[in-house]
Amino acid sequence: MSQPLYYDTCEASTSLKTLRIVNILSFIASFVGSTYVYILDPRAREITHEYNNIFSPSLILLAILWPIIYLLRFGFVFYIQFSKVSIIQEIVTESIGWLFTLANLFMLGWLWFLLKLNFVGSSFFATLTLLVVSLAHYRLTVDYPPNDLPSLQAKKIYFFAHVPFALYAAFSWLDLFHNIYMAILKSDHEEAYALLGILCIWILGIVGLAWTVTGLFSNCQRDGLFGLTMAACLIDVAVRECNILYLSIQASLLAGLIFSTFLFFYVTSGYKLKYAISSKCPLIYAPREQRQPLIQ
C-alpha cells in the first residue's frame, strides 16, 4: 500500500454504506439485548448465581471492562466508520468487514441459549464469537500495526478499532471457558472441576504470553494490551477461587508473568508505552537488511 493512500479521502462506496447500516443495527440490537438480559431480566442473575464456576467473571471485572468495550465499539460504529480517509475505510471494509456484525449476532444467539439454560448452545455461540473477534483482532494487528499508522490517524484507529477488538478477544476466552464449565461440569465434581480449571488457566496464560512476548500468532507483531487484559482475567479467577489454593496460585503466577514481560518491554523500549504495547518482537524478528544469510 503506497503512503499517499493513507491521507487520501474519498466518498463511501455502496458496499461501505451498506456495511455501516448493518453494523449500526446489529450493534444496537446487541446492546439492547445484553442490557435487557443483565439489568432488567432477573433470570440472568439467577443463572449466574446457580451456575457460578471458576471462570464466571466478577462484577468488578464486568463493571470495568464491558463499559470500555461498548464505549469504544460505539465510537467505531458512529464515528470512525463514517470517516472519509482512505485507510480508515479500508480497515472498516477489509480488515473488519462483516466480522463486527457477526460478533453482534453471535452475542444475541449466546444470550438466547443462555436464558434457555442450553449451555451447549451458549458455548457454541461463545466459540463463534471468539473466532470472529479474534480474526478481526488478528487482521488489524498484522495488516495495520499501530506503530506503522500515519500520525494523523493513528490514535483514532488505535482507540476505536484496535483497542475494542483486543479487549473483546481476550475476554472472549474467559467467556468461552465460563460457558463450557456451565455445560459439562457441576461444582460437586471437585477433582475434575479443579483439574480442568488448571488446564484452562494455562491456556489463558499461554495465549496471553504469546501475544505479549512473541507475537507468535501475528507475524511477530506483539499486542501487550491483549496480554494485560488476559492477565486481568487471570487475576479475577485467582481472587474469586482463592479457596482452591493451588489453582489460585497458578493463575496469579501466570498473570504476574504476563505483567512482568510487559514491564520488560516497557523498560527496554526506553519507557515508551506505545512500543511496550505494540511492536515487533526483538527476540525473534529482525528487519530484512539485518538478517544474516543462511550460507556464508
C-alpha atoms as a PDB file:
ATOM      1  CA  MET A   1       0.000   0.000   0.000  1.00  0.00           C
ATOM      2  CA  SER A   2       1.530   3.332  -1.014  1.00  0.00           C
ATOM      3  CA  GLN A   3       1.928   6.042   1.579  1.00  0.00           C
ATOM      4  CA  PRO A   4      -0.276   8.688  -0.145  1.00  0.00           C
ATOM      5  CA  LEU A   5      -3.302   6.407   0.250  1.00  0.00           C
ATOM      6  CA  TYR A   6      -3.047   6.936   3.979  1.00  0.00           C
ATOM      7  CA  TYR A   7      -4.028  10.573   3.577  1.00  0.00           C
ATOM      8  CA  ASP A   8      -6.391  10.402   0.601  1.00  0.00           C
ATOM      9  CA  THR A   9     -10.068  10.979   1.135  1.00  0.00           C
ATOM     10  CA  CYS A  10     -12.870   9.510  -0.909  1.00  0.00           C
ATOM     11  CA  GLU A  11     -16.596   9.038  -0.855  1.00  0.00           C
ATOM     12  CA  ALA A  12     -18.018   5.844   0.579  1.00  0.00           C
ATOM     13  CA  SER A  13     -18.787   3.015  -1.790  1.00  0.00           C
ATOM     14  CA  THR A  14     -22.191   1.348  -1.893  1.00  0.00           C
ATOM     15  CA  SER A  15     -20.824  -1.688  -0.053  1.00  0.00           C
ATOM     16  CA  LEU A  16     -19.398   0.519   2.702  1.00  0.00           C
ATOM     17  CA  LYS A  17     -22.699   2.371   3.090  1.00  0.00           C
ATOM     18  CA  THR A  18     -24.488  -0.959   3.407  1.00  0.00           C
ATOM     19  CA  LEU A  19     -21.934  -2.182   5.929  1.00  0.00           C
ATOM     20  CA  ARG A  20     -22.379   0.973   8.010  1.00  0.00           C
ATOM     21  CA  ILE A  21     -26.133   0.445   8.266  1.00  0.00           C
ATOM     22  CA  VAL A  22     -25.823  -3.239   9.143  1.00  0.00           C
ATOM     23  CA  ASN A  23     -23.119  -2.502  11.743  1.00  0.00           C
ATOM     24  CA  ILE A  24     -25.312   0.118  13.403  1.00  0.00           C
ATOM     25  CA  LEU A  25     -28.398  -2.105  13.505  1.00  0.00           C
ATOM     26  CA  SER A  26     -26.516  -5.125  14.837  1.00  0.00           C
ATOM     27  CA  PHE A  27     -24.727  -3.030  17.462  1.00  0.00           C
ATOM     28  CA  ILE A  28     -27.991  -1.514  18.713  1.00  0.00           C
ATOM     29  CA  ALA A  29     -29.601  -4.965  18.812  1.00  0.00           C
ATOM     30  CA  SER A  30     -26.730  -6.484  20.815  1.00  0.00           C
ATOM     31  CA  PHE A  31     -26.610  -3.509  23.186  1.00  0.00           C
ATOM     32  CA  VAL A  32     -30.362  -3.556  23.836  1.00  0.00           C
ATOM     33  CA  GLY A  33     -30.380  -7.340  24.199  1.00  0.00           C
ATOM     34  CA  SER A  34     -27.473  -7.520  26.636  1.00  0.00           C
ATOM     35  CA  THR A  35     -28.767  -4.537  28.630  1.00  0.00           C
ATOM     36  CA  TYR A  36     -32.208  -6.114  28.953  1.00  0.00           C
ATOM     37  CA  VAL A  37     -30.834  -9.512  29.965  1.00  0.00           C
ATOM     38  CA  TYR A  38     -28.344  -8.314  32.553  1.00  0.00           C
ATOM     39  CA  ILE A  39     -30.267  -5.379  34.029  1.00  0.00           C
ATOM     40  CA  LEU A  40     -33.994  -5.977  33.561  1.00  0.00           C
ATOM     41  CA  ASP A  41     -34.339  -9.757  33.375  1.00  0.00           C
ATOM     42  CA  PRO A  42     -33.990 -11.439  36.804  1.00  0.00           C
ATOM     43  CA  ARG A  43     -33.322 -14.812  35.148  1.00  0.00           C
ATOM     44  CA  ALA A  44     -29.773 -13.760  34.257  1.00  0.00           C
ATOM     45  CA  ARG A  45     -28.907 -13.100  37.906  1.00  0.00           C
ATOM     46  CA  GLU A  46     -30.452 -16.428  38.929  1.00  0.00           C
ATOM     47  CA  ILE A  47     -28.453 -18.289  36.273  1.00  0.00           C
ATOM     48  CA  THR A  48     -25.254 -16.526  37.267  1.00  0.00           C
ATOM     49  CA  HIS A  49     -25.787 -17.449  40.907  1.00  0.00           C
ATOM     50  CA  GLU A  50     -26.867 -21.053  40.312  1.00  0.00           C
ATOM     51  CA  TYR A  51     -24.201 -21.905  37.726  1.00  0.00           C
ATOM     52  CA  ASN A  52     -21.362 -19.927  39.228  1.00  0.00           C
ATOM     53  CA  ASN A  53     -17.986 -21.510  38.386  1.00  0.00           C
ATOM     54  CA  ILE A  54     -14.251 -20.872  38.199  1.00  0.00           C
ATOM     55  CA  PHE A  55     -14.488 -18.717  35.086  1.00  0.00           C
ATOM     56  CA  SER A  56     -17.567 -16.696  35.985  1.00  0.00           C
ATOM     57  CA  PRO A  57     -16.346 -13.098  35.651  1.00  0.00           C
ATOM     58  CA  SER A  58     -16.665 -10.980  38.765  1.00  0.00           C
ATOM     59  CA  LEU A  59     -18.899  -7.927  38.866  1.00  0.00           C
ATOM     60  CA  ILE A  60     -15.791  -5.770  39.246  1.00  0.00           C
ATOM     61  CA  LEU A  61     -14.248  -7.109  36.038  1.00  0.00           C
ATOM     62  CA  LEU A  62     -17.520  -6.716  34.152  1.00  0.00           C
ATOM     63  CA  ALA A  63     -18.098  -3.216  35.542  1.00  0.00           C
ATOM     64  CA  ILE A  64     -14.659  -2.103  34.348  1.00  0.00           C
ATOM     65  CA  LEU A  65     -14.235  -3.977  31.085  1.00  0.00           C
ATOM     66  CA  TRP A  66     -17.660  -4.043  29.436  1.00  0.00           C
ATOM     67  CA  PRO A  67     -18.377  -0.278  29.576  1.00  0.00           C
ATOM     68  CA  ILE A  68     -14.972   0.368  27.986  1.00  0.00           C
ATOM     69  CA  ILE A  69     -15.571  -2.206  25.251  1.00  0.00           C
ATOM     70  CA  TYR A  70     -19.054  -0.892  24.480  1.00  0.00           C
ATOM     71  CA  LEU A  71     -17.968   2.753  24.542  1.00  0.00           C
ATOM     72  CA  LEU A  72     -15.140   2.104  22.083  1.00  0.00           C
ATOM     73  CA  ARG A  73     -17.378  -0.081  19.898  1.00  0.00           C
ATOM     74  CA  PHE A  74     -19.863   2.804  19.928  1.00  0.00           C
ATOM     75  CA  GLY A  75     -17.034   5.036  18.674  1.00  0.00           C
ATOM     76  CA  PHE A  76     -16.289   2.563  15.913  1.00  0.00           C
ATOM     77  CA  VAL A  77     -19.919   2.350  14.778  1.00  0.00           C
ATOM     78  CA  PHE A  78     -20.900   6.005  14.978  1.00  0.00           C
ATOM     79  CA  TYR A  79     -17.559   7.727  14.431  1.00  0.00           C
ATOM     80  CA  ILE A  80     -14.667   6.191  12.540  1.00  0.00           C
ATOM     81  CA  GLN A  81     -16.644   4.038  10.106  1.00  0.00           C
ATOM     82  CA  PHE A  82     -18.057   7.304   8.720  1.00  0.00           C
ATOM     83  CA  SER A  83     -14.574   8.707   8.053  1.00  0.00           C
ATOM     84  CA  LYS A  84     -13.690   9.726   4.503  1.00  0.00           C
ATOM     85  CA  VAL A  85      -9.996   8.865   4.985  1.00  0.00           C
ATOM     86  CA  SER A  86      -8.983   6.012   2.686  1.00  0.00           C
ATOM     87  CA  ILE A  87      -7.027   3.974   5.222  1.00  0.00           C
ATOM     88  CA  ILE A  88      -9.922   4.013   7.693  1.00  0.00           C
ATOM     89  CA  GLN A  89     -12.374   2.956   5.007  1.00  0.00           C
ATOM     90  CA  GLU A  90     -10.012   0.102   4.109  1.00  0.00           C
ATOM     91  CA  ILE A  91      -9.869  -1.011   7.741  1.00  0.00           C
ATOM     92  CA  VAL A  92     -13.657  -0.959   8.045  1.00  0.00           C
ATOM     93  CA  THR A  93     -14.298  -2.852   4.808  1.00  0.00           C
ATOM     94  CA  GLU A  94     -11.281  -5.181   4.523  1.00  0.00           C
ATOM     95  CA  SER A  95      -9.839  -5.931   7.973  1.00  0.00           C
ATOM     96  CA  ILE A  96     -13.102  -5.842   9.933  1.00  0.00           C
ATOM     97  CA  GLY A  97     -15.739  -6.150   7.243  1.00  0.00           C
ATOM     98  CA  TRP A  98     -18.730  -8.229   8.345  1.00  0.00           C
ATOM     99  CA  LEU A  99     -16.948  -9.603  11.404  1.00  0.00           C
ATOM    100  CA  PHE A 100     -18.285  -6.802  13.614  1.00  0.00           C
ATOM    101  CA  THR A 101     -21.871  -7.604  12.652  1.00  0.00           C
ATOM    102  CA  LEU A 102     -21.317 -11.346  13.040  1.00  0.00           C
ATOM    103  CA  ALA A 103     -19.935 -10.823  16.554  1.00  0.00           C
ATOM    104  CA  ASN A 104     -23.060  -8.871  17.496  1.00  0.00           C
ATOM    105  CA  LEU A 105     -25.377 -11.524  16.049  1.00  0.00           C
ATOM    106  CA  PHE A 106     -23.474 -14.314  17.778  1.00  0.00           C
ATOM    107  CA  MET A 107     -23.830 -12.437  21.064  1.00  0.00           C
ATOM    108  CA  LEU A 108     -27.599 -12.392  20.591  1.00  0.00           C
ATOM    109  CA  GLY A 109     -27.528 -16.133  19.920  1.00  0.00           C
ATOM    110  CA  TRP A 110     -25.449 -16.644  23.037  1.00  0.00           C
ATOM    111  CA  LEU A 111     -27.927 -14.648  25.148  1.00  0.00           C
ATOM    112  CA  TRP A 112     -30.858 -16.646  23.754  1.00  0.00           C
ATOM    113  CA  PHE A 113     -29.365 -20.030  24.613  1.00  0.00           C
ATOM    114  CA  LEU A 114     -28.158 -18.770  27.994  1.00  0.00           C
ATOM    115  CA  LEU A 115     -31.678 -17.803  29.024  1.00  0.00           C
ATOM    116  CA  LYS A 116     -32.947 -21.181  27.787  1.00  0.00           C
ATOM    117  CA  LEU A 117     -30.337 -22.897  30.027  1.00  0.00           C
ATOM    118  CA  ASN A 118     -28.933 -24.558  26.917  1.00  0.00           C
ATOM    119  CA  PHE A 119     -25.255 -24.229  27.787  1.00  0.00           C
ATOM    120  CA  VAL A 120     -24.096 -26.369  24.868  1.00  0.00           C
ATOM    121  CA  GLY A 121     -25.743 -23.848  22.572  1.00  0.00           C
ATOM    122  CA  SER A 122     -24.325 -20.905  24.514  1.00  0.00           C
ATOM    123  CA  SER A 123     -20.848 -22.491  24.371  1.00  0.00           C
ATOM    124  CA  PHE A 124     -21.216 -22.889  20.608  1.00  0.00           C
ATOM    125  CA  PHE A 125     -22.068 -19.213  20.153  1.00  0.00           C
ATOM    126  CA  ALA A 126     -19.317 -18.188  22.581  1.00  0.00           C
ATOM    127  CA  THR A 127     -16.892 -20.134  20.371  1.00  0.00           C
ATOM    128  CA  LEU A 128     -18.175 -18.409  17.237  1.00  0.00           C
ATOM    129  CA  THR A 129     -17.838 -15.025  18.934  1.00  0.00           C
ATOM    130  CA  LEU A 130     -14.256 -15.805  19.943  1.00  0.00           C
ATOM    131  CA  LEU A 131     -13.385 -16.871  16.389  1.00  0.00           C
ATOM    132  CA  VAL A 132     -14.746 -13.808  14.595  1.00  0.00           C
ATOM    133  CA  VAL A 133     -13.457 -11.306  17.158  1.00  0.00           C
ATOM    134  CA  SER A 134     -10.026 -12.962  17.177  1.00  0.00           C
ATOM    135  CA  LEU A 135      -9.923 -12.899  13.372  1.00  0.00           C
ATOM    136  CA  ALA A 136     -10.680  -9.170  13.327  1.00  0.00           C
ATOM    137  CA  HIS A 137      -8.056  -8.606  16.038  1.00  0.00           C
ATOM    138  CA  TYR A 138      -5.505 -10.625  14.044  1.00  0.00           C
ATOM    139  CA  ARG A 139      -6.173  -8.735  10.798  1.00  0.00           C
ATOM    140  CA  LEU A 140      -5.885  -5.358  12.493  1.00  0.00           C
ATOM    141  CA  THR A 141      -2.663  -6.321  14.262  1.00  0.00           C
ATOM    142  CA  VAL A 142      -0.958  -7.790  11.184  1.00  0.00           C
ATOM    143  CA  ASP A 143      -2.243  -5.509   8.419  1.00  0.00           C
ATOM    144  CA  TYR A 144      -2.314  -2.215  10.330  1.00  0.00           C
ATOM    145  CA  PRO A 145       0.236  -2.295  13.204  1.00  0.00           C
ATOM    146  CA  PRO A 146      -0.395   0.713  15.460  1.00  0.00           C
ATOM    147  CA  ASN A 147       3.184   1.990  15.245  1.00  0.00           C
ATOM    148  CA  ASP A 148       3.078   1.944  11.430  1.00  0.00           C
ATOM    149  CA  LEU A 149      -0.080   4.018  11.121  1.00  0.00           C
ATOM    150  CA  PRO A 150       0.115   7.624   9.863  1.00  0.00           C
ATOM    151  CA  SER A 151       0.339  10.007  12.805  1.00  0.00           C
ATOM    152  CA  LEU A 152      -2.757  11.984  11.831  1.00  0.00           C
ATOM    153  CA  GLN A 153      -4.957   8.881  12.015  1.00  0.00           C
ATOM    154  CA  ALA A 154      -3.084   6.621  14.461  1.00  0.00           C
ATOM    155  CA  LYS A 155      -4.912   7.475  17.696  1.00  0.00           C
ATOM    156  CA  LYS A 156      -8.331   7.362  16.083  1.00  0.00           C
ATOM    157  CA  ILE A 157      -7.705   3.959  14.512  1.00  0.00           C
ATOM    158  CA  TYR A 158      -5.996   2.518  17.575  1.00  0.00           C
ATOM    159  CA  PHE A 159      -8.593   3.529  20.163  1.00  0.00           C
ATOM    160  CA  PHE A 160     -11.721   2.771  18.143  1.00  0.00           C
ATOM    161  CA  ALA A 161     -10.553  -0.287  16.182  1.00  0.00           C
ATOM    162  CA  HIS A 162      -7.518  -1.958  17.757  1.00  0.00           C
ATOM    163  CA  VAL A 163      -8.395  -1.492  21.432  1.00  0.00           C
ATOM    164  CA  PRO A 164     -12.019  -2.752  21.477  1.00  0.00           C
ATOM    165  CA  PHE A 165     -11.150  -5.857  19.467  1.00  0.00           C
ATOM    166  CA  ALA A 166      -8.081  -6.608  21.619  1.00  0.00           C
ATOM    167  CA  LEU A 167     -10.106  -6.293  24.838  1.00  0.00           C
ATOM    168  CA  TYR A 168     -13.049  -8.237  23.420  1.00  0.00           C
ATOM    169  CA  ALA A 169     -10.845 -11.023  22.033  1.00  0.00           C
ATOM    170  CA  ALA A 170      -9.095 -11.548  25.378  1.00  0.00           C
ATOM    171  CA  PHE A 171     -12.342 -11.504  27.354  1.00  0.00           C
ATOM    172  CA  SER A 172     -13.953 -13.926  24.885  1.00  0.00           C
ATOM    173  CA  TRP A 173     -11.513 -16.638  26.013  1.00  0.00           C
ATOM    174  CA  LEU A 174     -12.722 -16.270  29.606  1.00  0.00           C
ATOM    175  CA  ASP A 175     -16.342 -16.234  28.483  1.00  0.00           C
ATOM    176  CA  LEU A 176     -15.846 -19.412  26.435  1.00  0.00           C
ATOM    177  CA  PHE A 177     -14.459 -21.352  29.408  1.00  0.00           C
ATOM    178  CA  HIS A 178     -17.236 -19.959  31.594  1.00  0.00           C
ATOM    179  CA  ASN A 179     -19.841 -21.412  29.219  1.00  0.00           C
ATOM    180  CA  ILE A 180     -18.020 -24.724  28.835  1.00  0.00           C
ATOM    181  CA  TYR A 181     -17.985 -25.121  32.613  1.00  0.00           C
ATOM    182  CA  MET A 182     -21.709 -24.495  32.800  1.00  0.00           C
ATOM    183  CA  ALA A 183     -22.264 -27.077  30.060  1.00  0.00           C
ATOM    184  CA  ILE A 184     -20.201 -30.045  31.266  1.00  0.00           C
ATOM    185  CA  LEU A 185     -19.355 -29.769  34.945  1.00  0.00           C
ATOM    186  CA  LYS A 186     -21.080 -29.347  38.274  1.00  0.00           C
ATOM    187  CA  SER A 187     -19.456 -27.948  41.372  1.00  0.00           C
ATOM    188  CA  ASP A 188     -19.688 -31.255  43.249  1.00  0.00           C
ATOM    189  CA  HIS A 189     -17.133 -32.876  40.905  1.00  0.00           C
ATOM    190  CA  GLU A 190     -14.305 -31.254  42.809  1.00  0.00           C
ATOM    191  CA  GLU A 191     -11.282 -33.051  41.346  1.00  0.00           C
ATOM    192  CA  ALA A 192     -12.321 -32.799  37.694  1.00  0.00           C
ATOM    193  CA  TYR A 193     -13.604 -29.277  38.375  1.00  0.00           C
ATOM    194  CA  ALA A 194     -10.177 -28.113  39.540  1.00  0.00           C
ATOM    195  CA  LEU A 195      -8.060 -30.090  37.045  1.00  0.00           C
ATOM    196  CA  LEU A 196      -9.951 -28.807  34.024  1.00  0.00           C
ATOM    197  CA  GLY A 197      -9.770 -25.337  35.535  1.00  0.00           C
ATOM    198  CA  ILE A 198      -5.976 -25.551  35.732  1.00  0.00           C
ATOM    199  CA  LEU A 199      -5.794 -26.676  32.099  1.00  0.00           C
ATOM    200  CA  CYS A 200      -7.967 -23.747  31.006  1.00  0.00           C
ATOM    201  CA  ILE A 201      -5.922 -21.325  33.118  1.00  0.00           C
ATOM    202  CA  TRP A 202      -2.734 -22.468  31.407  1.00  0.00           C
ATOM    203  CA  ILE A 203      -4.375 -21.981  28.015  1.00  0.00           C
ATOM    204  CA  LEU A 204      -5.283 -18.420  29.018  1.00  0.00           C
ATOM    205  CA  GLY A 205      -1.749 -17.813  30.273  1.00  0.00           C
ATOM    206  CA  ILE A 206      -0.030 -19.236  27.184  1.00  0.00           C
ATOM    207  CA  VAL A 207      -2.234 -17.286  24.772  1.00  0.00           C
ATOM    208  CA  GLY A 208      -1.689 -14.089  26.777  1.00  0.00           C
ATOM    209  CA  LEU A 209       2.081 -14.617  26.885  1.00  0.00           C
ATOM    210  CA  ALA A 210       2.238 -15.437  23.176  1.00  0.00           C
ATOM    211  CA  TRP A 211       0.660 -12.113  22.271  1.00  0.00           C
ATOM    212  CA  THR A 212       2.631 -10.166  24.879  1.00  0.00           C
ATOM    213  CA  VAL A 213       6.089 -11.610  24.205  1.00  0.00           C
ATOM    214  CA  THR A 214       6.495 -13.045  20.730  1.00  0.00           C
ATOM    215  CA  GLY A 215       3.543 -12.115  18.563  1.00  0.00           C
ATOM    216  CA  LEU A 216       3.516 -15.819  17.754  1.00  0.00           C
ATOM    217  CA  PHE A 217       0.121 -15.626  16.082  1.00  0.00           C
ATOM    218  CA  SER A 218       0.688 -12.361  14.215  1.00  0.00           C
ATOM    219  CA  ASN A 219       3.962 -12.365  12.272  1.00  0.00           C
ATOM    220  CA  CYS A 220       5.983 -11.284  15.344  1.00  0.00           C
ATOM    221  CA  GLN A 221       3.694  -8.288  15.925  1.00  0.00           C
ATOM    222  CA  ARG A 222       3.113  -8.112  19.685  1.00  0.00           C
ATOM    223  CA  ASP A 223      -0.044  -6.874  21.409  1.00  0.00           C
ATOM    224  CA  GLY A 224       0.621  -6.028  25.031  1.00  0.00           C
ATOM    225  CA  LEU A 225      -2.914  -4.744  25.577  1.00  0.00           C
ATOM    226  CA  PHE A 226      -4.333  -8.174  24.784  1.00  0.00           C
ATOM    227  CA  GLY A 227      -1.857  -9.708  27.241  1.00  0.00           C
ATOM    228  CA  LEU A 228      -2.716  -7.237  30.005  1.00  0.00           C
ATOM    229  CA  THR A 229      -6.423  -7.949  29.544  1.00  0.00           C
ATOM    230  CA  MET A 230      -5.747 -11.675  29.773  1.00  0.00           C
ATOM    231  CA  ALA A 231      -3.687 -11.080  32.925  1.00  0.00           C
ATOM    232  CA  ALA A 232      -6.608  -9.148  34.433  1.00  0.00           C
ATOM    233  CA  CYS A 233      -8.892 -12.120  33.678  1.00  0.00           C
ATOM    234  CA  LEU A 234      -6.410 -14.478  35.366  1.00  0.00           C
ATOM    235  CA  ILE A 235      -6.229 -12.244  38.445  1.00  0.00           C
ATOM    236  CA  ASP A 236     -10.022 -12.209  38.540  1.00  0.00           C
ATOM    237  CA  VAL A 237     -10.019 -16.020  38.559  1.00  0.00           C
ATOM    238  CA  ALA A 238      -7.269 -16.156  41.205  1.00  0.00           C
ATOM    239  CA  VAL A 239      -9.110 -13.827  43.586  1.00  0.00           C
ATOM    240  CA  ARG A 240     -12.509 -15.477  43.167  1.00  0.00           C
ATOM    241  CA  GLU A 241     -11.132 -19.016  43.551  1.00  0.00           C
ATOM    242  CA  CYS A 242      -8.751 -18.381  46.439  1.00  0.00           C
ATOM    243  CA  ASN A 243     -10.347 -21.351  48.236  1.00  0.00           C
ATOM    244  CA  ILE A 244      -8.761 -23.656  45.603  1.00  0.00           C
ATOM    245  CA  LEU A 245      -5.270 -22.613  46.596  1.00  0.00           C
ATOM    246  CA  TYR A 246      -3.136 -24.386  44.001  1.00  0.00           C
ATOM    247  CA  LEU A 247      -5.388 -23.153  41.187  1.00  0.00           C
ATOM    248  CA  SER A 248      -5.361 -19.601  42.515  1.00  0.00           C
ATOM    249  CA  ILE A 249      -1.559 -19.624  42.841  1.00  0.00           C
ATOM    250  CA  GLN A 250      -1.057 -20.799  39.258  1.00  0.00           C
ATOM    251  CA  ALA A 251      -3.447 -18.166  37.915  1.00  0.00           C
ATOM    252  CA  SER A 252      -1.624 -15.487  39.934  1.00  0.00           C
ATOM    253  CA  LEU A 253       1.799 -16.628  38.711  1.00  0.00           C
ATOM    254  CA  LEU A 254       0.728 -16.634  35.075  1.00  0.00           C
ATOM    255  CA  ALA A 255      -0.791 -13.168  35.443  1.00  0.00           C
ATOM    256  CA  GLY A 256       2.390 -11.962  37.141  1.00  0.00           C
ATOM    257  CA  LEU A 257       4.490 -13.412  34.329  1.00  0.00           C
ATOM    258  CA  ILE A 258       2.458 -11.547  31.719  1.00  0.00           C
ATOM    259  CA  PHE A 259       2.750  -8.288  33.669  1.00  0.00           C
ATOM    260  CA  SER A 260       6.497  -8.828  34.109  1.00  0.00           C
ATOM    261  CA  THR A 261       7.088  -9.390  30.409  1.00  0.00           C
ATOM    262  CA  PHE A 262       5.061  -6.293  29.586  1.00  0.00           C
ATOM    263  CA  LEU A 263       7.201  -4.274  32.007  1.00  0.00           C
ATOM    264  CA  PHE A 264      10.328  -5.768  30.415  1.00  0.00           C
ATOM    265  CA  PHE A 265       9.322  -4.425  27.008  1.00  0.00           C
ATOM    266  CA  TYR A 266       8.324  -1.119  28.593  1.00  0.00           C
ATOM    267  CA  VAL A 267      11.761  -0.681  30.172  1.00  0.00           C
ATOM    268  CA  THR A 268      13.769  -1.933  27.185  1.00  0.00           C
ATOM    269  CA  SER A 269      11.843   0.380  24.840  1.00  0.00           C
ATOM    270  CA  GLY A 270      13.046   3.385  26.838  1.00  0.00           C
ATOM    271  CA  TYR A 271       9.840   3.700  28.863  1.00  0.00           C
ATOM    272  CA  LYS A 272       7.759   4.286  25.739  1.00  0.00           C
ATOM    273  CA  LEU A 273       4.299   2.913  26.377  1.00  0.00           C
ATOM    274  CA  LYS A 274       3.276   2.623  22.730  1.00  0.00           C
ATOM    275  CA  TYR A 275       6.257   0.367  21.976  1.00  0.00           C
ATOM    276  CA  ALA A 276       5.584  -1.715  25.080  1.00  0.00           C
ATOM    277  CA  ILE A 277       2.021  -2.247  23.904  1.00  0.00           C
ATOM    278  CA  SER A 278       2.720  -2.864  20.227  1.00  0.00           C
ATOM    279  CA  SER A 279       5.997  -3.617  18.460  1.00  0.00           C
ATOM    280  CA  LYS A 280       7.811  -6.334  16.586  1.00  0.00           C
ATOM    281  CA  CYS A 281       9.302  -8.873  18.964  1.00  0.00           C
ATOM    282  CA  PRO A 282      13.072  -8.141  19.007  1.00  0.00           C
ATOM    283  CA  LEU A 283      13.821 -11.667  20.215  1.00  0.00           C
ATOM    284  CA  ILE A 284      12.734 -13.388  17.007  1.00  0.00           C
ATOM    285  CA  TYR A 285      12.320 -10.606  14.455  1.00  0.00           C
ATOM    286  CA  ALA A 286      14.944  -8.669  12.569  1.00  0.00           C
ATOM    287  CA  PRO A 287      14.482  -6.345   9.592  1.00  0.00           C
ATOM    288  CA  ARG A 288      15.375  -7.915   6.264  1.00  0.00           C
ATOM    289  CA  GLU A 289      18.542  -5.849   5.889  1.00  0.00           C
ATOM    290  CA  GLN A 290      19.816  -7.044   9.292  1.00  0.00           C
ATOM    291  CA  ARG A 291      19.293 -10.770   8.682  1.00  0.00           C
ATOM    292  CA  GLN A 292      22.326 -12.973   8.246  1.00  0.00           C
ATOM    293  CA  PRO A 293      22.473 -15.196   5.141  1.00  0.00           C
ATOM    294  CA  LEU A 294      21.982 -18.890   5.763  1.00  0.00           C
ATOM    295  CA  ILE A 295      25.049 -19.737   3.645  1.00  0.00           C
ATOM    296  CA  GLN A 296      28.184 -17.653   4.171  1.00  0.00           C
END
